[in-house]
Amino acid sequence: VDQVPAEITIERPKSPEHGDYATNIAMRLARPTGWPPRQVAGV
């Protein structure tokens, strides 16, 4: 739990087709988990 970043970046996608919001948190968690970002993102 202490490896979870205190700040989670939330952005507006450039295209509305991609949703209301987007986050890159899975890529930031790739190193501490040792998993590929897409696997983290899936969970």
PDB file of all heavy atoms in Angstrom:
ATOM      1  N   VAL A   1       0.820  -1.209   0.000  1.00  0.00           N
ATOM      2  CA  VAL A   1       0.000   0.000   0.000  1.00  0.00           C
ATOM      3  C   VAL A   1       0.853   1.259   0.000  1.00  0.00           C
ATOM      4  O   VAL A   1       0.508   2.265  -0.628  1.00  0.00           O
ATOM      5  CB  VAL A   1      -0.957  -0.008   1.219  1.00  0.00           C
ATOM      6  CG1 VAL A   1      -1.681   1.325   1.343  1.00  0.00           C
ATOM      7  CG2 VAL A   1      -1.954  -1.143   1.099  1.00  0.00           C
ATOM      8  N   ASP A   2       1.996   1.232   0.697  1.00  0.00           N
ATOM      9  CA  ASP A   2       2.829   2.431   0.745  1.00  0.00           C
ATOM     10  C   ASP A   2       3.554   2.716  -0.574  1.00  0.00           C
ATOM     11  O   ASP A   2       4.208   3.741  -0.721  1.00  0.00           O
ATOM     12  CB  ASP A   2       3.829   2.357   1.895  1.00  0.00           C
ATOM     13  CG  ASP A   2       4.785   1.165   1.775  1.00  0.00           C
ATOM     14  OD1 ASP A   2       4.697   0.439   0.772  1.00  0.00           O
ATOM     15  OD2 ASP A   2       5.599   0.965   2.699  1.00  0.00           O
ATOM     16  N   GLN A   3       3.447   1.808  -1.549  1.00  0.00           N
ATOM     17  CA  GLN A   3       4.025   2.047  -2.875  1.00  0.00           C
ATOM     18  C   GLN A   3       3.034   2.717  -3.826  1.00  0.00           C
ATOM     19  O   GLN A   3       3.396   3.084  -4.940  1.00  0.00           O
ATOM     20  CB  GLN A   3       4.496   0.726  -3.499  1.00  0.00           C
ATOM     21  CG  GLN A   3       5.739   0.130  -2.848  1.00  0.00           C
ATOM     22  CD  GLN A   3       6.127  -1.190  -3.484  1.00  0.00           C
ATOM     23  OE1 GLN A   3       5.350  -2.144  -3.503  1.00  0.00           O
ATOM     24  NE2 GLN A   3       7.342  -1.251  -4.006  1.00  0.00           N
ATOM     25  N   VAL A   4       1.794   2.880  -3.379  1.00  0.00           N
ATOM     26  CA  VAL A   4       0.791   3.537  -4.214  1.00  0.00           C
ATOM     27  C   VAL A   4       1.043   5.041  -4.188  1.00  0.00           C
ATOM     28  O   VAL A   4       1.112   5.642  -3.115  1.00  0.00           O
ATOM     29  CB  VAL A   4      -0.637   3.244  -3.701  1.00  0.00           C
ATOM     30  CG1 VAL A   4      -1.665   3.938  -4.597  1.00  0.00           C
ATOM     31  CG2 VAL A   4      -0.882   1.744  -3.648  1.00  0.00           C
ATOM     32  N   PRO A   5       1.216   5.685  -5.351  1.00  0.00           N
ATOM     33  CA  PRO A   5       1.502   7.128  -5.383  1.00  0.00           C
ATOM     34  C   PRO A   5       0.413   7.937  -4.692  1.00  0.00           C
ATOM     35  O   PRO A   5      -0.778   7.630  -4.815  1.00  0.00           O
ATOM     36  CB  PRO A   5       1.547   7.449  -6.890  1.00  0.00           C
ATOM     37  CG  PRO A   5       1.859   6.143  -7.543  1.00  0.00           C
ATOM     38  CD  PRO A   5       1.183   5.099  -6.705  1.00  0.00           C
ATOM     39  N   ALA A   6       0.827   8.958  -3.969  1.00  0.00           N
ATOM     40  CA  ALA A   6      -0.139   9.824  -3.290  1.00  0.00           C
ATOM     41  C   ALA A   6      -0.927  10.660  -4.297  1.00  0.00           C
ATOM     42  O   ALA A   6      -2.103  10.964  -4.090  1.00  0.00           O
ATOM     43  CB  ALA A   6       0.579  10.732  -2.300  1.00  0.00           C
ATOM     44  N   GLU A   7      -0.275  11.012  -5.406  1.00  0.00           N
ATOM     45  CA  GLU A   7      -0.927  11.822  -6.439  1.00  0.00           C
ATOM     46  C   GLU A   7      -1.218  10.965  -7.664  1.00  0.00           C
ATOM     47  O   GLU A   7      -0.325  10.310  -8.200  1.00  0.00           O
ATOM     48  CB  GLU A   7      -0.031  13.000  -6.843  1.00  0.00           C
ATOM     49  CG  GLU A   7       0.308  13.959  -5.701  1.00  0.00           C
ATOM     50  CD  GLU A   7      -0.884  14.782  -5.257  1.00  0.00           C
ATOM     51  OE1 GLU A   7      -1.800  14.978  -6.076  1.00  0.00           O
ATOM     52  OE2 GLU A   7      -0.895  15.214  -4.088  1.00  0.00           O
ATOM     53  N   ILE A   8      -2.472  10.954  -8.081  1.00  0.00           N
ATOM     54  CA  ILE A   8      -2.887  10.227  -9.283  1.00  0.00           C
ATOM     55  C   ILE A   8      -3.203  11.249 -10.369  1.00  0.00           C
ATOM     56  O   ILE A   8      -4.068  12.109 -10.178  1.00  0.00           O
ATOM     57  CB  ILE A   8      -4.137   9.354  -9.024  1.00  0.00           C
ATOM     58  CG1 ILE A   8      -3.934   8.448  -7.803  1.00  0.00           C
ATOM     59  CG2 ILE A   8      -4.489   8.547 -10.271  1.00  0.00           C
ATOM     60  CD1 ILE A   8      -2.907   7.373  -7.979  1.00  0.00           C
ATOM     61  N   THR A   9      -2.500  11.174 -11.481  1.00  0.00           N
ATOM     62  CA  THR A   9      -2.709  12.137 -12.562  1.00  0.00           C
ATOM     63  C   THR A   9      -3.969  11.795 -13.352  1.00  0.00           C
ATOM     64  O   THR A   9      -4.127  10.666 -13.827  1.00  0.00           O
ATOM     65  CB  THR A   9      -1.507  12.151 -13.516  1.00  0.00           C
ATOM     66  OG1 THR A   9      -0.327  12.490 -12.784  1.00  0.00           O
ATOM     67  CG2 THR A   9      -1.708  13.171 -14.637  1.00  0.00           C
ATOM     68  N   ILE A  10      -4.854  12.778 -13.467  1.00  0.00           N
ATOM     69  CA  ILE A  10      -6.088  12.632 -14.246  1.00  0.00           C
ATOM     70  C   ILE A  10      -6.078  13.680 -15.352  1.00  0.00           C
ATOM     71  O   ILE A  10      -5.854  14.862 -15.079  1.00  0.00           O
ATOM     72  CB  ILE A  10      -7.343  12.830 -13.366  1.00  0.00           C
ATOM     73  CG1 ILE A  10      -7.339  11.854 -12.192  1.00  0.00           C
ATOM     74  CG2 ILE A  10      -8.620  12.676 -14.199  1.00  0.00           C
ATOM     75  CD1 ILE A  10      -7.484  10.406 -12.572  1.00  0.00           C
ATOM     76  N   GLU A  11      -6.313  13.237 -16.594  1.00  0.00           N
ATOM     77  CA  GLU A  11      -6.294  14.168 -17.719  1.00  0.00           C
ATOM     78  C   GLU A  11      -7.539  14.007 -18.574  1.00  0.00           C
ATOM     79  O   GLU A  11      -8.216  12.974 -18.524  1.00  0.00           O
ATOM     80  CB  GLU A  11      -5.053  13.927 -18.592  1.00  0.00           C
ATOM     81  CG  GLU A  11      -3.728  14.167 -17.874  1.00  0.00           C
ATOM     82  CD  GLU A  11      -2.535  13.857 -18.764  1.00  0.00           C
ATOM     83  OE1 GLU A  11      -2.721  13.090 -19.737  1.00  0.00           O
ATOM     84  OE2 GLU A  11      -1.441  14.376 -18.491  1.00  0.00           O
ATOM     85  N   ARG A  12      -7.816  15.050 -19.357  1.00  0.00           N
ATOM     86  CA  ARG A  12      -8.875  14.973 -20.357  1.00  0.00           C
ATOM     87  C   ARG A  12      -8.271  14.433 -21.649  1.00  0.00           C
ATOM     88  O   ARG A  12      -7.297  14.996 -22.156  1.00  0.00           O
ATOM     89  CB  ARG A  12      -9.443  16.368 -20.632  1.00  0.00           C
ATOM     90  CG  ARG A  12     -10.356  16.900 -19.539  1.00  0.00           C
ATOM     91  CD  ARG A  12     -11.722  16.260 -19.606  1.00  0.00           C
ATOM     92  NE  ARG A  12     -12.683  16.968 -18.763  1.00  0.00           N
ATOM     93  CZ  ARG A  12     -13.932  16.573 -18.616  1.00  0.00           C
ATOM     94  NH1 ARG A  12     -14.369  15.485 -19.230  1.00  0.00           N
ATOM     95  NH2 ARG A  12     -14.753  17.245 -17.842  1.00  0.00           N
ATOM     96  N   PRO A  13      -8.793  13.341 -22.225  1.00  0.00           N
ATOM     97  CA  PRO A  13      -8.263  12.838 -23.500  1.00  0.00           C
ATOM     98  C   PRO A  13      -8.423  13.879 -24.595  1.00  0.00           C
ATOM     99  O   PRO A  13      -9.367  14.683 -24.573  1.00  0.00           O
ATOM    100  CB  PRO A  13      -9.134  11.612 -23.778  1.00  0.00           C
ATOM    101  CG  PRO A  13      -9.675  11.199 -22.452  1.00  0.00           C
ATOM    102  CD  PRO A  13      -9.866  12.479 -21.701  1.00  0.00           C
ATOM    103  N   LYS A  14      -7.499  13.887 -25.549  1.00  0.00           N
ATOM    104  CA  LYS A  14      -7.586  14.846 -26.651  1.00  0.00           C
ATOM    105  C   LYS A  14      -8.833  14.607 -27.486  1.00  0.00           C
ATOM    106  O   LYS A  14      -9.427  15.532 -28.025  1.00  0.00           O
ATOM    107  CB  LYS A  14      -6.332  14.751 -27.524  1.00  0.00           C
ATOM    108  CG  LYS A  14      -5.064  15.225 -26.829  1.00  0.00           C
ATOM    109  CD  LYS A  14      -3.860  15.131 -27.748  1.00  0.00           C
ATOM    110  CE  LYS A  14      -2.596  15.624 -27.033  1.00  0.00           C
ATOM    111  NZ  LYS A  14      -1.395  15.523 -27.906  1.00  0.00           N
ATOM    112  N   SER A  15      -9.239  13.348 -27.612  1.00  0.00           N
ATOM    113  CA  SER A  15     -10.439  13.017 -28.378  1.00  0.00           C
ATOM    114  C   SER A  15     -11.538  12.535 -27.436  1.00  0.00           C
ATOM    115  O   SER A  15     -11.307  11.639 -26.619  1.00  0.00           O
ATOM    116  CB  SER A  15     -10.139  11.915 -29.405  1.00  0.00           C
ATOM    117  OG  SER A  15     -11.334  11.457 -30.012  1.00  0.00           O
ATOM    118  N   PRO A  16     -12.760  13.094 -27.525  1.00  0.00           N
ATOM    119  CA  PRO A  16     -13.877  12.658 -26.680  1.00  0.00           C
ATOM    120  C   PRO A  16     -14.208  11.178 -26.849  1.00  0.00           C
ATOM    121  O   PRO A  16     -14.792  10.563 -25.954  1.00  0.00           O
ATOM    122  CB  PRO A  16     -15.038  13.538 -27.142  1.00  0.00           C
ATOM    123  CG  PRO A  16     -14.389  14.735 -27.765  1.00  0.00           C
ATOM    124  CD  PRO A  16     -13.138  14.208 -28.398  1.00  0.00           C
ATOM    125  N   GLU A  17     -13.826  10.603 -28.001  1.00  0.00           N
ATOM    126  CA  GLU A  17     -14.100   9.187 -28.260  1.00  0.00           C
ATOM    127  C   GLU A  17     -13.358   8.283 -27.270  1.00  0.00           C
ATOM    128  O   GLU A  17     -13.741   7.129 -27.061  1.00  0.00           O
ATOM    129  CB  GLU A  17     -13.688   8.821 -29.688  1.00  0.00           C
ATOM    130  CG  GLU A  17     -14.473   9.584 -30.764  1.00  0.00           C
ATOM    131  CD  GLU A  17     -13.950   9.275 -32.158  1.00  0.00           C
ATOM    132  OE1 GLU A  17     -12.966   8.511 -32.257  1.00  0.00           O
ATOM    133  OE2 GLU A  17     -14.516   9.801 -33.130  1.00  0.00           O
ATOM    134  N   HIS A  18     -12.296   8.800 -26.667  1.00  0.00           N
ATOM    135  CA  HIS A  18     -11.502   7.999 -25.742  1.00  0.00           C
ATOM    136  C   HIS A  18     -12.020   8.058 -24.303  1.00  0.00           C
ATOM    137  O   HIS A  18     -11.408   7.467 -23.409  1.00  0.00           O
ATOM    138  CB  HIS A  18     -10.041   8.464 -25.780  1.00  0.00           C
ATOM    139  CG  HIS A  18      -9.398   8.227 -27.111  1.00  0.00           C
ATOM    140  ND1 HIS A  18      -8.288   8.936 -27.533  1.00  0.00           N
ATOM    141  CD2 HIS A  18      -9.711   7.382 -28.128  1.00  0.00           C
ATOM    142  CE1 HIS A  18      -7.943   8.535 -28.753  1.00  0.00           C
ATOM    143  NE2 HIS A  18      -8.796   7.590 -29.123  1.00  0.00           N
ATOM    144  N   GLY A  19     -13.111   8.792 -24.105  1.00  0.00           N
ATOM    145  CA  GLY A  19     -13.692   8.859 -22.774  1.00  0.00           C
ATOM    146  C   GLY A  19     -13.669  10.244 -22.178  1.00  0.00           C
ATOM    147  O   GLY A  19     -13.247  11.212 -22.820  1.00  0.00           O
ATOM    148  N   ASP A  20     -14.140  10.341 -20.920  1.00  0.00           N
ATOM    149  CA  ASP A  20     -14.179  11.625 -20.224  1.00  0.00           C
ATOM    150  C   ASP A  20     -12.835  11.955 -19.573  1.00  0.00           C
ATOM    151  O   ASP A  20     -12.426  13.113 -19.526  1.00  0.00           O
ATOM    152  CB  ASP A  20     -15.269  11.593 -19.147  1.00  0.00           C
ATOM    153  CG  ASP A  20     -16.655  11.337 -19.729  1.00  0.00           C
ATOM    154  OD1 ASP A  20     -17.001  12.002 -20.720  1.00  0.00           O
ATOM    155  OD2 ASP A  20     -17.372  10.464 -19.197  1.00  0.00           O
ATOM    156  N   TYR A  21     -12.184  10.912 -19.043  1.00  0.00           N
ATOM    157  CA  TYR A  21     -10.909  11.103 -18.356  1.00  0.00           C
ATOM    158  C   TYR A  21      -9.956   9.961 -18.694  1.00  0.00           C
ATOM    159  O   TYR A  21     -10.379   8.890 -19.135  1.00  0.00           O
ATOM    160  CB  TYR A  21     -11.097  11.155 -16.832  1.00  0.00           C
ATOM    161  CG  TYR A  21     -11.946  12.305 -16.356  1.00  0.00           C
ATOM    162  CD1 TYR A  21     -13.255  12.089 -15.921  1.00  0.00           C
ATOM    163  CD2 TYR A  21     -11.447  13.600 -16.330  1.00  0.00           C
ATOM    164  CE1 TYR A  21     -14.047  13.154 -15.485  1.00  0.00           C
ATOM    165  CE2 TYR A  21     -12.228  14.667 -15.896  1.00  0.00           C
ATOM    166  CZ  TYR A  21     -13.525  14.432 -15.475  1.00  0.00           C
ATOM    167  OH  TYR A  21     -14.291  15.478 -15.051  1.00  0.00           O
ATOM    168  N   ALA A  22      -8.669  10.211 -18.454  1.00  0.00           N
ATOM    169  CA  ALA A  22      -7.649   9.181 -18.662  1.00  0.00           C
ATOM    170  C   ALA A  22      -6.578   9.324 -17.588  1.00  0.00           C
ATOM    171  O   ALA A  22      -6.359  10.412 -17.043  1.00  0.00           O
ATOM    172  CB  ALA A  22      -7.024   9.309 -20.046  1.00  0.00           C
ATOM    173  N   THR A  23      -5.924   8.183 -17.277  1.00  0.00           N
ATOM    174  CA  THR A  23      -4.831   8.224 -16.308  1.00  0.00           C
ATOM    175  C   THR A  23      -3.703   7.311 -16.770  1.00  0.00           C
ATOM    176  O   THR A  23      -3.932   6.287 -17.440  1.00  0.00           O
ATOM    177  CB  THR A  23      -5.306   7.793 -14.904  1.00  0.00           C
ATOM    178  OG1 THR A  23      -4.178   7.816 -14.010  1.00  0.00           O
ATOM    179  CG2 THR A  23      -5.897   6.401 -14.912  1.00  0.00           C
ATOM    180  N   ASN A  24      -2.482   7.686 -16.429  1.00  0.00           N
ATOM    181  CA  ASN A  24      -1.295   6.895 -16.788  1.00  0.00           C
ATOM    182  C   ASN A  24      -0.758   6.119 -15.592  1.00  0.00           C
ATOM    183  O   ASN A  24       0.385   5.681 -15.582  1.00  0.00           O
ATOM    184  CB  ASN A  24      -0.202   7.808 -17.334  1.00  0.00           C
ATOM    185  CG  ASN A  24       0.327   8.781 -16.278  1.00  0.00           C
ATOM    186  OD1 ASN A  24      -0.250   8.901 -15.199  1.00  0.00           O
ATOM    187  ND2 ASN A  24       1.409   9.473 -16.578  1.00  0.00           N
ATOM    188  N   ILE A  25      -1.589   5.936 -14.563  1.00  0.00           N
ATOM    189  CA  ILE A  25      -1.125   5.333 -13.327  1.00  0.00           C
ATOM    190  C   ILE A  25      -0.548   3.934 -13.517  1.00  0.00           C
ATOM    191  O   ILE A  25       0.385   3.529 -12.808  1.00  0.00           O
ATOM    192  CB  ILE A  25      -2.264   5.305 -12.267  1.00  0.00           C
ATOM    193  CG1 ILE A  25      -1.738   4.858 -10.913  1.00  0.00           C
ATOM    194  CG2 ILE A  25      -3.414   4.428 -12.751  1.00  0.00           C
ATOM    195  CD1 ILE A  25      -0.667   5.733 -10.342  1.00  0.00           C
ATOM    196  N   ALA A  26      -1.073   3.178 -14.492  1.00  0.00           N
ATOM    197  CA  ALA A  26      -0.574   1.821 -14.718  1.00  0.00           C
ATOM    198  C   ALA A  26       0.894   1.835 -15.131  1.00  0.00           C
ATOM    199  O   ALA A  26       1.675   0.955 -14.739  1.00  0.00           O
ATOM    200  CB  ALA A  26      -1.415   1.115 -15.772  1.00  0.00           C
ATOM    201  N   MET A  27       1.293   2.820 -15.915  1.00  0.00           N
ATOM    202  CA  MET A  27       2.685   2.918 -16.349  1.00  0.00           C
ATOM    203  C   MET A  27       3.592   3.308 -15.186  1.00  0.00           C
ATOM    204  O   MET A  27       4.745   2.883 -15.111  1.00  0.00           O
ATOM    205  CB  MET A  27       2.799   3.918 -17.502  1.00  0.00           C
ATOM    206  CG  MET A  27       2.239   3.349 -18.811  1.00  0.00           C
ATOM    207  SD  MET A  27       2.268   4.519 -20.181  1.00  0.00           S
ATOM    208  CE  MET A  27       0.724   5.357 -19.885  1.00  0.00           C
ATOM    209  N   ARG A  28       3.056   4.085 -14.245  1.00  0.00           N
ATOM    210  CA  ARG A  28       3.847   4.464 -13.070  1.00  0.00           C
ATOM    211  C   ARG A  28       4.017   3.280 -12.108  1.00  0.00           C
ATOM    212  O   ARG A  28       4.976   3.231 -11.342  1.00  0.00           O
ATOM    213  CB  ARG A  28       3.163   5.630 -12.349  1.00  0.00           C
ATOM    214  CG  ARG A  28       3.169   6.920 -13.150  1.00  0.00           C
ATOM    215  CD  ARG A  28       2.387   8.004 -12.435  1.00  0.00           C
ATOM    216  NE  ARG A  28       2.975   8.337 -11.139  1.00  0.00           N
ATOM    217  CZ  ARG A  28       2.371   9.110 -10.236  1.00  0.00           C
ATOM    218  NH1 ARG A  28       1.169   9.608 -10.484  1.00  0.00           N
ATOM    219  NH2 ARG A  28       2.968   9.373  -9.079  1.00  0.00           N
ATOM    220  N   LEU A  29       3.072   2.321 -12.180  1.00  0.00           N
ATOM    221  CA  LEU A  29       3.132   1.165 -11.284  1.00  0.00           C
ATOM    222  C   LEU A  29       3.876  -0.028 -11.890  1.00  0.00           C
ATOM    223  O   LEU A  29       4.071  -1.037 -11.219  1.00  0.00           O
ATOM    224  CB  LEU A  29       1.708   0.730 -10.901  1.00  0.00           C
ATOM    225  CG  LEU A  29       0.908   1.713 -10.032  1.00  0.00           C
ATOM    226  CD1 LEU A  29      -0.505   1.193  -9.825  1.00  0.00           C
ATOM    227  CD2 LEU A  29       1.599   1.937  -8.696  1.00  0.00           C
ATOM    228  N   ALA A  30       4.299   0.114 -13.142  1.00  0.00           N
ATOM    229  CA  ALA A  30       4.968  -1.002 -13.811  1.00  0.00           C
ATOM    230  C   ALA A  30       6.256  -1.400 -13.092  1.00  0.00           C
ATOM    231  O   ALA A  30       6.519  -2.593 -12.863  1.00  0.00           O
ATOM    232  CB  ALA A  30       5.259  -0.644 -15.265  1.00  0.00           C
ATOM    233  N   ARG A  31       7.047  -0.421 -12.704  1.00  0.00           N
ATOM    234  CA  ARG A  31       8.326  -0.736 -12.052  1.00  0.00           C
ATOM    235  C   ARG A  31       8.125  -1.369 -10.666  1.00  0.00           C
ATOM    236  O   ARG A  31       8.702  -2.431 -10.392  1.00  0.00           O
ATOM    237  CB  ARG A  31       9.191   0.514 -11.950  1.00  0.00           C
ATOM    238  CG  ARG A  31      10.484   0.276 -11.179  1.00  0.00           C
ATOM    239  CD  ARG A  31      11.430   1.448 -11.278  1.00  0.00           C
ATOM    240  NE  ARG A  31      11.977   1.582 -12.624  1.00  0.00           N
ATOM    241  CZ  ARG A  31      12.863   2.503 -12.979  1.00  0.00           C
ATOM    242  NH1 ARG A  31      13.300   3.378 -12.074  1.00  0.00           N
ATOM    243  NH2 ARG A  31      13.316   2.565 -14.219  1.00  0.00           N
ATOM    244  N   PRO A  32       7.327  -0.763  -9.766  1.00  0.00           N
ATOM    245  CA  PRO A  32       7.179  -1.398  -8.441  1.00  0.00           C
ATOM    246  C   PRO A  32       6.501  -2.766  -8.480  1.00  0.00           C
ATOM    247  O   PRO A  32       6.775  -3.614  -7.622  1.00  0.00           O
ATOM    248  CB  PRO A  32       6.347  -0.388  -7.648  1.00  0.00           C
ATOM    249  CG  PRO A  32       5.699   0.480  -8.667  1.00  0.00           C
ATOM    250  CD  PRO A  32       6.634   0.531  -9.814  1.00  0.00           C
ATOM    251  N   THR A  33       5.633  -3.004  -9.469  1.00  0.00           N
ATOM    252  CA  THR A  33       4.971  -4.315  -9.548  1.00  0.00           C
ATOM    253  C   THR A  33       5.805  -5.329 -10.322  1.00  0.00           C
ATOM    254  O   THR A  33       5.686  -6.551 -10.115  1.00  0.00           O
ATOM    255  CB  THR A  33       3.602  -4.204 -10.234  1.00  0.00           C
ATOM    256  OG1 THR A  33       3.775  -3.689 -11.565  1.00  0.00           O
ATOM    257  CG2 THR A  33       2.667  -3.296  -9.456  1.00  0.00           C
ATOM    258  N   GLY A  34       6.636  -4.812 -11.253  1.00  0.00           N
ATOM    259  CA  GLY A  34       7.389  -5.715 -12.125  1.00  0.00           C
ATOM    260  C   GLY A  34       6.539  -6.280 -13.246  1.00  0.00           C
ATOM    261  O   GLY A  34       6.947  -7.216 -13.948  1.00  0.00           O
ATOM    262  N   TRP A  35       5.364  -5.721 -13.439  1.00  0.00           N
ATOM    263  CA  TRP A  35       4.445  -6.174 -14.475  1.00  0.00           C
ATOM    264  C   TRP A  35       4.460  -5.215 -15.669  1.00  0.00           C
ATOM    265  O   TRP A  35       4.772  -4.031 -15.513  1.00  0.00           O
ATOM    266  CB  TRP A  35       3.023  -6.227 -13.945  1.00  0.00           C
ATOM    267  CG  TRP A  35       2.714  -7.357 -13.028  1.00  0.00           C
ATOM    268  CD1 TRP A  35       3.581  -8.262 -12.498  1.00  0.00           C
ATOM    269  CD2 TRP A  35       1.415  -7.704 -12.531  1.00  0.00           C
ATOM    270  NE1 TRP A  35       2.921  -9.148 -11.698  1.00  0.00           N
ATOM    271  CE2 TRP A  35       1.590  -8.835 -11.695  1.00  0.00           C
ATOM    272  CE3 TRP A  35       0.144  -7.177 -12.675  1.00  0.00           C
ATOM    273  CZ2 TRP A  35       0.510  -9.440 -11.043  1.00  0.00           C
ATOM    274  CZ3 TRP A  35      -0.929  -7.770 -12.034  1.00  0.00           C
ATOM    275  CH2 TRP A  35      -0.751  -8.896 -11.223  1.00  0.00           C
ATOM    276  N   PRO A  36       4.048  -5.704 -16.866  1.00  0.00           N
ATOM    277  CA  PRO A  36       3.856  -4.790 -17.994  1.00  0.00           C
ATOM    278  C   PRO A  36       2.716  -3.820 -17.664  1.00  0.00           C
ATOM    279  O   PRO A  36       1.743  -4.209 -17.003  1.00  0.00           O
ATOM    280  CB  PRO A  36       3.452  -5.725 -19.155  1.00  0.00           C
ATOM    281  CG  PRO A  36       3.953  -7.068 -18.743  1.00  0.00           C
ATOM    282  CD  PRO A  36       3.841  -7.117 -17.251  1.00  0.00           C
ATOM    283  N   PRO A  37       2.804  -2.576 -18.112  1.00  0.00           N
ATOM    284  CA  PRO A  37       1.770  -1.588 -17.795  1.00  0.00           C
ATOM    285  C   PRO A  37       0.354  -2.043 -18.155  1.00  0.00           C
ATOM    286  O   PRO A  37      -0.587  -1.805 -17.399  1.00  0.00           O
ATOM    287  CB  PRO A  37       2.190  -0.365 -18.611  1.00  0.00           C
ATOM    288  CG  PRO A  37       3.665  -0.490 -18.747  1.00  0.00           C
ATOM    289  CD  PRO A  37       3.915  -1.971 -18.887  1.00  0.00           C
ATOM    290  N   ARG A  38       0.188  -2.706 -19.306  1.00  0.00           N
ATOM    291  CA  ARG A  38      -1.158  -3.119 -19.705  1.00  0.00           C
ATOM    292  C   ARG A  38      -1.743  -4.163 -18.748  1.00  0.00           C
ATOM    293  O   ARG A  38      -2.959  -4.199 -18.526  1.00  0.00           O
ATOM    294  CB  ARG A  38      -1.154  -3.670 -21.141  1.00  0.00           C
ATOM    295  CG  ARG A  38      -1.049  -2.581 -22.212  1.00  0.00           C
ATOM    296  CD  ARG A  38      -1.234  -3.161 -23.612  1.00  0.00           C
ATOM    297  NE  ARG A  38      -2.583  -3.681 -23.795  1.00  0.00           N
ATOM    298  CZ  ARG A  38      -3.609  -2.978 -24.260  1.00  0.00           C
ATOM    299  NH1 ARG A  38      -3.446  -1.700 -24.594  1.00  0.00           N
ATOM    300  NH2 ARG A  38      -4.792  -3.532 -24.410  1.00  0.00           N
ATOM    301  N   GLN A  39      -0.879  -4.995 -18.163  1.00  0.00           N
ATOM    302  CA  GLN A  39      -1.377  -5.981 -17.202  1.00  0.00           C
ATOM    303  C   GLN A  39      -1.858  -5.283 -15.929  1.00  0.00           C
ATOM    304  O   GLN A  39      -2.905  -5.631 -15.369  1.00  0.00           O
ATOM    305  CB  GLN A  39      -0.274  -6.992 -16.877  1.00  0.00           C
ATOM    306  CG  GLN A  39      -0.736  -8.146 -15.977  1.00  0.00           C
ATOM    307  CD  GLN A  39       0.361  -9.164 -15.729  1.00  0.00           C
ATOM    308  OE1 GLN A  39       1.456  -9.083 -16.313  1.00  0.00           O
ATOM    309  NE2 GLN A  39       0.100 -10.141 -14.870  1.00  0.00           N
ATOM    310  N   VAL A  40      -1.091  -4.291 -15.480  1.00  0.00           N
ATOM    311  CA  VAL A  40      -1.504  -3.510 -14.315  1.00  0.00           C
ATOM    312  C   VAL A  40      -2.808  -2.777 -14.622  1.00  0.00           C
ATOM    313  O   VAL A  40      -3.754  -2.770 -13.815  1.00  0.00           O
ATOM    314  CB  VAL A  40      -0.424  -2.480 -13.917  1.00  0.00           C
ATOM    315  CG1 VAL A  40      -0.913  -1.608 -12.762  1.00  0.00           C
ATOM    316  CG2 VAL A  40       0.882  -3.168 -13.566  1.00  0.00           C
ATOM    317  N   ALA A  41      -2.878  -2.177 -15.810  1.00  0.00           N
ATOM    318  CA  ALA A  41      -4.062  -1.415 -16.209  1.00  0.00           C
ATOM    319  C   ALA A  41      -5.303  -2.299 -16.238  1.00  0.00           C
ATOM    320  O   ALA A  41      -6.393  -1.863 -15.860  1.00  0.00           O
ATOM    321  CB  ALA A  41      -3.838  -0.782 -17.581  1.00  0.00           C
ATOM    322  N   GLY A  42      -5.134  -3.560 -16.661  1.00  0.00           N
ATOM    323  CA  GLY A  42      -6.277  -4.471 -16.716  1.00  0.00           C
ATOM    324  C   GLY A  42      -6.884  -4.712 -15.345  1.00  0.00           C
ATOM    325  O   GLY A  42      -8.109  -4.714 -15.183  1.00  0.00           O
ATOM    326  N   VAL A  43      -6.038  -4.901 -14.344  1.00  0.00           N
ATOM    327  CA  VAL A  43      -6.521  -5.128 -12.969  1.00  0.00           C
ATOM    328  C   VAL A  43      -7.243  -3.888 -12.452  1.00  0.00           C
ATOM    329  O   VAL A  43      -8.352  -3.986 -11.885  1.00  0.00           O
ATOM    330  CB  VAL A  43      -5.340  -5.492 -12.042  1.00  0.00           C
ATOM    331  CG1 VAL A  43      -5.815  -5.550 -10.586  1.00  0.00           C
ATOM    332  CG2 VAL A  43      -4.716  -6.809 -12.455  1.00  0.00           C
TER     333      VAL A  43
END
